[in-house]
PDB file of all heavy atoms in Angstrom:
ATOM      1  N   ALA A   1       8.927 -17.220  11.035  1.00  0.00           N
ATOM      2  CA  ALA A   1       8.577 -15.725  11.096  1.00  0.00           C
ATOM      3  C   ALA A   1       8.427 -15.205  12.512  1.00  0.00           C
ATOM      4  O   ALA A   1       8.996 -14.198  12.757  1.00  0.00           O
ATOM      5  CB  ALA A   1       7.256 -15.517  10.367  1.00  0.00           C
ATOM      6  N   GLN A   2       7.835 -15.961  13.460  1.00  0.00           N
ATOM      7  CA  GLN A   2       7.806 -15.642  14.790  1.00  0.00           C
ATOM      8  C   GLN A   2       9.149 -15.703  15.479  1.00  0.00           C
ATOM      9  O   GLN A   2       9.425 -14.844  16.308  1.00  0.00           O
ATOM     10  CB  GLN A   2       6.780 -16.437  15.611  1.00  0.00           C
ATOM     11  CG  GLN A   2       5.383 -16.542  14.977  1.00  0.00           C
ATOM     12  CD  GLN A   2       4.828 -15.134  14.862  1.00  0.00           C
ATOM     13  OE1 GLN A   2       4.987 -14.238  15.559  1.00  0.00           O
ATOM     14  NE2 GLN A   2       4.178 -14.968  13.616  1.00  0.00           N
ATOM     15  N   SER A   3       9.977 -16.570  15.025  1.00  0.00           N
ATOM     16  CA  SER A   3      11.322 -16.719  15.484  1.00  0.00           C
ATOM     17  C   SER A   3      12.212 -15.470  15.083  1.00  0.00           C
ATOM     18  O   SER A   3      12.969 -14.827  15.903  1.00  0.00           O
ATOM     19  CB  SER A   3      12.065 -17.820  15.140  1.00  0.00           C
ATOM     20  OG  SER A   3      13.451 -17.989  15.474  1.00  0.00           O
ATOM     21  N   VAL A   4      12.025 -14.991  13.961  1.00  0.00           N
ATOM     22  CA  VAL A   4      12.611 -13.771  13.428  1.00  0.00           C
ATOM     23  C   VAL A   4      12.286 -12.514  14.238  1.00  0.00           C
ATOM     24  O   VAL A   4      13.078 -11.739  14.791  1.00  0.00           O
ATOM     25  CB  VAL A   4      12.334 -13.581  11.903  1.00  0.00           C
ATOM     26  CG1 VAL A   4      12.831 -12.215  11.510  1.00  0.00           C
ATOM     27  CG2 VAL A   4      13.114 -14.668  11.155  1.00  0.00           C
ATOM     28  N   ARG A   5      11.038 -12.461  14.439  1.00  0.00           N
ATOM     29  CA  ARG A   5      10.420 -11.301  15.096  1.00  0.00           C
ATOM     30  C   ARG A   5      10.892 -11.254  16.538  1.00  0.00           C
ATOM     31  O   ARG A   5      11.269 -10.164  17.051  1.00  0.00           O
ATOM     32  CB  ARG A   5       8.862 -11.410  15.066  1.00  0.00           C
ATOM     33  CG  ARG A   5       8.263 -10.843  13.714  1.00  0.00           C
ATOM     34  CD  ARG A   5       6.743 -10.764  13.794  1.00  0.00           C
ATOM     35  NE  ARG A   5       6.337  -9.952  12.606  1.00  0.00           N
ATOM     36  CZ  ARG A   5       5.868 -10.579  11.493  1.00  0.00           C
ATOM     37  NH1 ARG A   5       5.599 -11.930  11.552  1.00  0.00           N
ATOM     38  NH2 ARG A   5       5.360  -9.851  10.582  1.00  0.00           N
ATOM     39  N   ARG A   6      10.926 -12.426  17.193  1.00  0.00           N
ATOM     40  CA  ARG A   6      11.346 -12.398  18.589  1.00  0.00           C
ATOM     41  C   ARG A   6      12.800 -12.010  18.587  1.00  0.00           C
ATOM     42  O   ARG A   6      13.324 -11.235  19.519  1.00  0.00           O
ATOM     43  CB  ARG A   6      11.163 -13.813  19.212  1.00  0.00           C
ATOM     44  CG  ARG A   6       9.837 -14.199  19.695  1.00  0.00           C
ATOM     45  CD  ARG A   6       9.703 -15.423  20.509  1.00  0.00           C
ATOM     46  NE  ARG A   6      10.418 -16.578  19.868  1.00  0.00           N
ATOM     47  CZ  ARG A   6       9.603 -17.297  19.108  1.00  0.00           C
ATOM     48  NH1 ARG A   6       8.297 -17.099  18.808  1.00  0.00           N
ATOM     49  NH2 ARG A   6      10.192 -18.444  18.510  1.00  0.00           N
ATOM     50  N   TYR A   7      13.606 -12.523  17.808  1.00  0.00           N
ATOM     51  CA  TYR A   7      15.072 -12.302  17.683  1.00  0.00           C
ATOM     52  C   TYR A   7      15.362 -10.839  17.605  1.00  0.00           C
ATOM     53  O   TYR A   7      16.103 -10.173  18.343  1.00  0.00           O
ATOM     54  CB  TYR A   7      15.855 -13.339  16.635  1.00  0.00           C
ATOM     55  CG  TYR A   7      17.219 -12.849  16.563  1.00  0.00           C
ATOM     56  CD1 TYR A   7      18.257 -13.334  17.397  1.00  0.00           C
ATOM     57  CD2 TYR A   7      17.708 -12.098  15.446  1.00  0.00           C
ATOM     58  CE1 TYR A   7      19.481 -12.973  17.289  1.00  0.00           C
ATOM     59  CE2 TYR A   7      18.994 -11.741  15.285  1.00  0.00           C
ATOM     60  CZ  TYR A   7      20.054 -12.199  16.108  1.00  0.00           C
ATOM     61  OH  TYR A   7      21.241 -12.011  16.125  1.00  0.00           O
ATOM     62  N   LEU A   8      14.776 -10.229  16.537  1.00  0.00           N
ATOM     63  CA  LEU A   8      15.023  -8.872  16.198  1.00  0.00           C
ATOM     64  C   LEU A   8      14.495  -7.962  17.353  1.00  0.00           C
ATOM     65  O   LEU A   8      15.069  -6.970  17.549  1.00  0.00           O
ATOM     66  CB  LEU A   8      14.471  -8.601  14.849  1.00  0.00           C
ATOM     67  CG  LEU A   8      15.210  -9.300  13.728  1.00  0.00           C
ATOM     68  CD1 LEU A   8      14.637  -9.062  12.363  1.00  0.00           C
ATOM     69  CD2 LEU A   8      16.704  -8.844  13.596  1.00  0.00           C
ATOM     70  N   ASP A   9      13.348  -8.172  17.805  1.00  0.00           N
ATOM     71  CA  ASP A   9      12.751  -7.384  18.874  1.00  0.00           C
ATOM     72  C   ASP A   9      13.628  -7.391  20.049  1.00  0.00           C
ATOM     73  O   ASP A   9      13.817  -6.403  20.700  1.00  0.00           O
ATOM     74  CB  ASP A   9      11.308  -7.902  19.179  1.00  0.00           C
ATOM     75  CG  ASP A   9      10.779  -7.070  20.362  1.00  0.00           C
ATOM     76  OD1 ASP A   9      10.340  -5.922  20.052  1.00  0.00           O
ATOM     77  OD2 ASP A   9      10.604  -7.683  21.495  1.00  0.00           O
ATOM     78  N   GLY A  10      14.285  -8.483  20.277  1.00  0.00           N
ATOM     79  CA  GLY A  10      15.229  -8.602  21.520  1.00  0.00           C
ATOM     80  C   GLY A  10      16.479  -7.822  21.287  1.00  0.00           C
ATOM     81  O   GLY A  10      17.095  -7.446  22.210  1.00  0.00           O
ATOM     82  N   LEU A  11      16.670  -7.384  20.042  1.00  0.00           N
ATOM     83  CA  LEU A  11      17.947  -6.578  19.754  1.00  0.00           C
ATOM     84  C   LEU A  11      17.550  -5.045  19.484  1.00  0.00           C
ATOM     85  O   LEU A  11      18.401  -4.346  19.104  1.00  0.00           O
ATOM     86  CB  LEU A  11      18.672  -7.114  18.487  1.00  0.00           C
ATOM     87  CG  LEU A  11      19.310  -8.522  18.602  1.00  0.00           C
ATOM     88  CD1 LEU A  11      19.887  -8.806  17.250  1.00  0.00           C
ATOM     89  CD2 LEU A  11      20.413  -8.503  19.695  1.00  0.00           C
ATOM     90  N   GLY A  12      16.274  -4.817  19.778  1.00  0.00           N
ATOM     91  CA  GLY A  12      15.802  -3.330  19.649  1.00  0.00           C
ATOM     92  C   GLY A  12      15.494  -2.922  18.413  1.00  0.00           C
ATOM     93  O   GLY A  12      15.292  -1.802  18.044  1.00  0.00           O
ATOM     94  N   PHE A  13      15.106  -3.831  17.427  1.00  0.00           N
ATOM     95  CA  PHE A  13      14.659  -3.416  16.169  1.00  0.00           C
ATOM     96  C   PHE A  13      13.120  -3.092  16.223  1.00  0.00           C
ATOM     97  O   PHE A  13      12.348  -3.725  16.957  1.00  0.00           O
ATOM     98  CB  PHE A  13      14.882  -4.618  15.014  1.00  0.00           C
ATOM     99  CG  PHE A  13      16.248  -4.782  14.589  1.00  0.00           C
ATOM    100  CD1 PHE A  13      17.203  -5.494  15.403  1.00  0.00           C
ATOM    101  CD2 PHE A  13      16.674  -4.203  13.372  1.00  0.00           C
ATOM    102  CE1 PHE A  13      18.511  -5.749  14.867  1.00  0.00           C
ATOM    103  CE2 PHE A  13      17.941  -4.322  12.872  1.00  0.00           C
ATOM    104  CZ  PHE A  13      18.837  -5.211  13.631  1.00  0.00           C
ATOM    105  N   LEU A  14      12.841  -2.047  15.337  1.00  0.00           N
ATOM    106  CA  LEU A  14      11.413  -1.744  15.204  1.00  0.00           C
ATOM    107  C   LEU A  14      10.820  -2.255  13.941  1.00  0.00           C
ATOM    108  O   LEU A  14      11.419  -2.084  12.901  1.00  0.00           O
ATOM    109  CB  LEU A  14      11.174  -0.182  15.243  1.00  0.00           C
ATOM    110  CG  LEU A  14      11.902   0.517  16.323  1.00  0.00           C
ATOM    111  CD1 LEU A  14      11.690   2.043  16.247  1.00  0.00           C
ATOM    112  CD2 LEU A  14      11.321   0.071  17.787  1.00  0.00           C
ATOM    113  N   GLU A  15       9.742  -2.844  13.975  1.00  0.00           N
ATOM    114  CA  GLU A  15       8.954  -3.363  12.859  1.00  0.00           C
ATOM    115  C   GLU A  15       8.072  -2.210  12.187  1.00  0.00           C
ATOM    116  O   GLU A  15       7.162  -1.716  12.840  1.00  0.00           O
ATOM    117  CB  GLU A  15       8.022  -4.477  13.099  1.00  0.00           C
ATOM    118  CG  GLU A  15       7.424  -5.133  11.832  1.00  0.00           C
ATOM    119  CD  GLU A  15       6.885  -6.576  12.147  1.00  0.00           C
ATOM    120  OE1 GLU A  15       6.615  -6.945  13.262  1.00  0.00           O
ATOM    121  OE2 GLU A  15       6.567  -7.123  11.080  1.00  0.00           O
ATOM    122  N   VAL A  16       8.609  -1.687  10.956  1.00  0.00           N
ATOM    123  CA  VAL A  16       7.872  -0.604  10.478  1.00  0.00           C
ATOM    124  C   VAL A  16       7.463  -0.911   8.900  1.00  0.00           C
ATOM    125  O   VAL A  16       8.309  -1.442   8.225  1.00  0.00           O
ATOM    126  CB  VAL A  16       8.794   0.669  10.350  1.00  0.00           C
ATOM    127  CG1 VAL A  16       8.392   1.838   9.775  1.00  0.00           C
ATOM    128  CG2 VAL A  16       9.413   1.024  11.778  1.00  0.00           C
ATOM    129  N   GLU A  17       6.204  -0.648   8.753  1.00  0.00           N
ATOM    130  CA  GLU A  17       5.724  -0.799   7.428  1.00  0.00           C
ATOM    131  C   GLU A  17       6.100   0.305   6.346  1.00  0.00           C
ATOM    132  O   GLU A  17       6.065   1.437   6.699  1.00  0.00           O
ATOM    133  CB  GLU A  17       4.227  -1.000   7.381  1.00  0.00           C
ATOM    134  CG  GLU A  17       3.738  -2.249   8.205  1.00  0.00           C
ATOM    135  CD  GLU A  17       2.320  -2.398   8.242  1.00  0.00           C
ATOM    136  OE1 GLU A  17       1.618  -1.481   7.774  1.00  0.00           O
ATOM    137  OE2 GLU A  17       1.753  -3.519   8.696  1.00  0.00           O
ATOM    138  N   THR A  18       6.521   0.045   5.069  1.00  0.00           N
ATOM    139  CA  THR A  18       6.716   0.954   4.194  1.00  0.00           C
ATOM    140  C   THR A  18       5.706   0.871   3.025  1.00  0.00           C
ATOM    141  O   THR A  18       5.043  -0.257   2.898  1.00  0.00           O
ATOM    142  CB  THR A  18       8.101   0.685   3.617  1.00  0.00           C
ATOM    143  OG1 THR A  18       8.315  -0.586   3.179  1.00  0.00           O
ATOM    144  CG2 THR A  18       9.206   1.045   4.670  1.00  0.00           C
ATOM    145  N   PRO A  19       5.668   1.924   2.295  1.00  0.00           N
ATOM    146  CA  PRO A  19       4.599   1.940   1.169  1.00  0.00           C
ATOM    147  C   PRO A  19       4.654   0.783   0.169  1.00  0.00           C
ATOM    148  O   PRO A  19       5.769   0.377  -0.223  1.00  0.00           O
ATOM    149  CB  PRO A  19       4.739   3.330   0.526  1.00  0.00           C
ATOM    150  CG  PRO A  19       5.502   4.180   1.507  1.00  0.00           C
ATOM    151  CD  PRO A  19       6.410   3.206   2.249  1.00  0.00           C
ATOM    152  N   VAL A  20       3.553   0.461  -0.370  1.00  0.00           N
ATOM    153  CA  VAL A  20       3.476  -0.479  -1.447  1.00  0.00           C
ATOM    154  C   VAL A  20       3.265   0.211  -2.809  1.00  0.00           C
ATOM    155  O   VAL A  20       3.731  -0.321  -3.749  1.00  0.00           O
ATOM    156  CB  VAL A  20       2.316  -1.509  -1.089  1.00  0.00           C
ATOM    157  CG1 VAL A  20       2.079  -2.470  -2.458  1.00  0.00           C
ATOM    158  CG2 VAL A  20       2.488  -2.426   0.096  1.00  0.00           C
ATOM    159  N   LEU A  21       2.511   1.286  -2.748  1.00  0.00           N
ATOM    160  CA  LEU A  21       2.502   2.153  -3.906  1.00  0.00           C
ATOM    161  C   LEU A  21       3.553   3.233  -3.877  1.00  0.00           C
ATOM    162  O   LEU A  21       3.614   4.108  -2.995  1.00  0.00           O
ATOM    163  CB  LEU A  21       1.159   2.848  -4.001  1.00  0.00           C
ATOM    164  CG  LEU A  21      -0.128   1.956  -4.121  1.00  0.00           C
ATOM    165  CD1 LEU A  21      -1.423   2.707  -4.064  1.00  0.00           C
ATOM    166  CD2 LEU A  21       0.014   1.147  -5.410  1.00  0.00           C
ATOM    167  N   THR A  22       4.530   3.093  -4.763  1.00  0.00           N
ATOM    168  CA  THR A  22       5.739   3.893  -4.627  1.00  0.00           C
ATOM    169  C   THR A  22       6.142   4.437  -6.024  1.00  0.00           C
ATOM    170  O   THR A  22       5.425   4.303  -7.017  1.00  0.00           O
ATOM    171  CB  THR A  22       6.831   3.250  -3.882  1.00  0.00           C
ATOM    172  OG1 THR A  22       7.886   4.172  -3.726  1.00  0.00           O
ATOM    173  CG2 THR A  22       7.439   2.055  -4.785  1.00  0.00           C
ATOM    174  N   LYS A  23       7.425   4.882  -6.181  1.00  0.00           N
ATOM    175  CA  LYS A  23       7.818   5.505  -7.487  1.00  0.00           C
ATOM    176  C   LYS A  23       8.660   4.571  -8.124  1.00  0.00           C
ATOM    177  O   LYS A  23       9.403   3.816  -7.642  1.00  0.00           O
ATOM    178  CB  LYS A  23       8.654   6.798  -7.113  1.00  0.00           C
ATOM    179  CG  LYS A  23       9.195   7.456  -8.337  1.00  0.00           C
ATOM    180  CD  LYS A  23       9.753   8.881  -8.051  1.00  0.00           C
ATOM    181  CE  LYS A  23      10.340   9.595  -9.180  1.00  0.00           C
ATOM    182  NZ  LYS A  23      10.879  10.845  -8.978  1.00  0.00           N
ATOM    183  N   SER A  24       8.562   4.499  -9.512  1.00  0.00           N
ATOM    184  CA  SER A  24       9.306   3.679 -10.317  1.00  0.00           C
ATOM    185  C   SER A  24      10.767   4.256 -10.416  1.00  0.00           C
ATOM    186  O   SER A  24      10.923   5.494 -10.857  1.00  0.00           O
ATOM    187  CB  SER A  24       8.649   3.522 -11.726  1.00  0.00           C
ATOM    188  OG  SER A  24       9.505   2.635 -12.567  1.00  0.00           O
ATOM    189  N   THR A  25      11.713   3.455 -10.142  1.00  0.00           N
ATOM    190  CA  THR A  25      13.031   3.745 -10.354  1.00  0.00           C
ATOM    191  C   THR A  25      13.783   2.581 -11.130  1.00  0.00           C
ATOM    192  O   THR A  25      14.414   1.693 -10.478  1.00  0.00           O
ATOM    193  CB  THR A  25      13.834   3.923  -9.031  1.00  0.00           C
ATOM    194  OG1 THR A  25      13.596   2.712  -8.236  1.00  0.00           O
ATOM    195  CG2 THR A  25      13.203   5.167  -8.251  1.00  0.00           C
ATOM    196  N   PRO A  26      13.689   2.605 -12.416  1.00  0.00           N
ATOM    197  CA  PRO A  26      14.066   1.317 -13.214  1.00  0.00           C
ATOM    198  C   PRO A  26      15.489   1.262 -13.354  1.00  0.00           C
ATOM    199  O   PRO A  26      16.139   1.640 -14.343  1.00  0.00           O
ATOM    200  CB  PRO A  26      13.411   1.761 -14.638  1.00  0.00           C
ATOM    201  CG  PRO A  26      13.240   3.177 -14.700  1.00  0.00           C
ATOM    202  CD  PRO A  26      13.013   3.648 -13.238  1.00  0.00           C
ATOM    203  N   GLU A  27      16.132   0.604 -12.251  1.00  0.00           N
ATOM    204  CA  GLU A  27      17.717   0.559 -12.274  1.00  0.00           C
ATOM    205  C   GLU A  27      17.929  -0.990 -12.129  1.00  0.00           C
ATOM    206  O   GLU A  27      18.988  -1.488 -12.173  1.00  0.00           O
ATOM    207  CB  GLU A  27      18.329   1.251 -11.179  1.00  0.00           C
ATOM    208  CG  GLU A  27      18.771   2.713 -11.390  1.00  0.00           C
ATOM    209  CD  GLU A  27      19.694   2.657 -12.604  1.00  0.00           C
ATOM    210  OE1 GLU A  27      20.674   2.186 -12.622  1.00  0.00           O
ATOM    211  OE2 GLU A  27      19.499   3.362 -13.691  1.00  0.00           O
ATOM    212  N   GLY A  28      16.912  -1.846 -12.124  1.00  0.00           N
ATOM    213  CA  GLY A  28      17.096  -3.315 -11.919  1.00  0.00           C
ATOM    214  C   GLY A  28      16.203  -3.965 -12.719  1.00  0.00           C
ATOM    215  O   GLY A  28      16.119  -3.819 -14.020  1.00  0.00           O
ATOM    216  N   ALA A  29      15.361  -4.894 -12.144  1.00  0.00           N
ATOM    217  CA  ALA A  29      14.413  -5.599 -12.949  1.00  0.00           C
ATOM    218  C   ALA A  29      13.156  -4.535 -13.194  1.00  0.00           C
ATOM    219  O   ALA A  29      13.132  -3.549 -12.792  1.00  0.00           O
ATOM    220  CB  ALA A  29      13.862  -6.832 -12.170  1.00  0.00           C
ATOM    221  N   ARG A  30      12.251  -5.152 -14.034  1.00  0.00           N
ATOM    222  CA  ARG A  30      11.195  -4.237 -14.509  1.00  0.00           C
ATOM    223  C   ARG A  30      10.218  -4.109 -13.376  1.00  0.00           C
ATOM    224  O   ARG A  30      10.126  -5.110 -12.469  1.00  0.00           O
ATOM    225  CB  ARG A  30      10.402  -4.750 -15.636  1.00  0.00           C
ATOM    226  CG  ARG A  30      11.199  -4.710 -17.025  1.00  0.00           C
ATOM    227  CD  ARG A  30      10.319  -5.236 -18.135  1.00  0.00           C
ATOM    228  NE  ARG A  30      10.066  -6.681 -17.987  1.00  0.00           N
ATOM    229  CZ  ARG A  30      10.954  -7.499 -18.422  1.00  0.00           C
ATOM    230  NH1 ARG A  30      11.958  -7.153 -19.197  1.00  0.00           N
ATOM    231  NH2 ARG A  30      10.697  -8.851 -18.322  1.00  0.00           N
ATOM    232  N   ASP A  31       9.633  -2.941 -13.188  1.00  0.00           N
ATOM    233  CA  ASP A  31       8.626  -2.791 -12.105  1.00  0.00           C
ATOM    234  C   ASP A  31       7.268  -3.187 -12.570  1.00  0.00           C
ATOM    235  O   ASP A  31       6.923  -3.202 -13.690  1.00  0.00           O
ATOM    236  CB  ASP A  31       8.546  -1.128 -11.792  1.00  0.00           C
ATOM    237  CG  ASP A  31       9.765  -0.620 -11.080  1.00  0.00           C
ATOM    238  OD1 ASP A  31      10.326  -1.383 -10.323  1.00  0.00           O
ATOM    239  OD2 ASP A  31      10.203   0.434 -11.424  1.00  0.00           O
ATOM    240  N   PHE A  32       6.346  -3.617 -11.621  1.00  0.00           N
ATOM    241  CA  PHE A  32       4.925  -3.746 -11.730  1.00  0.00           C
ATOM    242  C   PHE A  32       4.437  -2.337 -11.640  1.00  0.00           C
ATOM    243  O   PHE A  32       4.625  -1.696 -10.606  1.00  0.00           O
ATOM    244  CB  PHE A  32       4.427  -4.642 -10.818  1.00  0.00           C
ATOM    245  CG  PHE A  32       4.485  -6.075 -11.227  1.00  0.00           C
ATOM    246  CD1 PHE A  32       5.465  -6.997 -10.544  1.00  0.00           C
ATOM    247  CD2 PHE A  32       3.683  -6.604 -12.199  1.00  0.00           C
ATOM    248  CE1 PHE A  32       5.492  -8.301 -10.918  1.00  0.00           C
ATOM    249  CE2 PHE A  32       3.823  -8.019 -12.616  1.00  0.00           C
ATOM    250  CZ  PHE A  32       4.789  -8.834 -11.983  1.00  0.00           C
TER     251      PHE A  32
END
């Protein structure tokens, strides 16, 4: 995990968190 973070940070990627509570869009597997 730390290797991934170092590599992507070196390429200018931003680590951004996205919501855990979101909207159901049933187009694949079933949602929790």
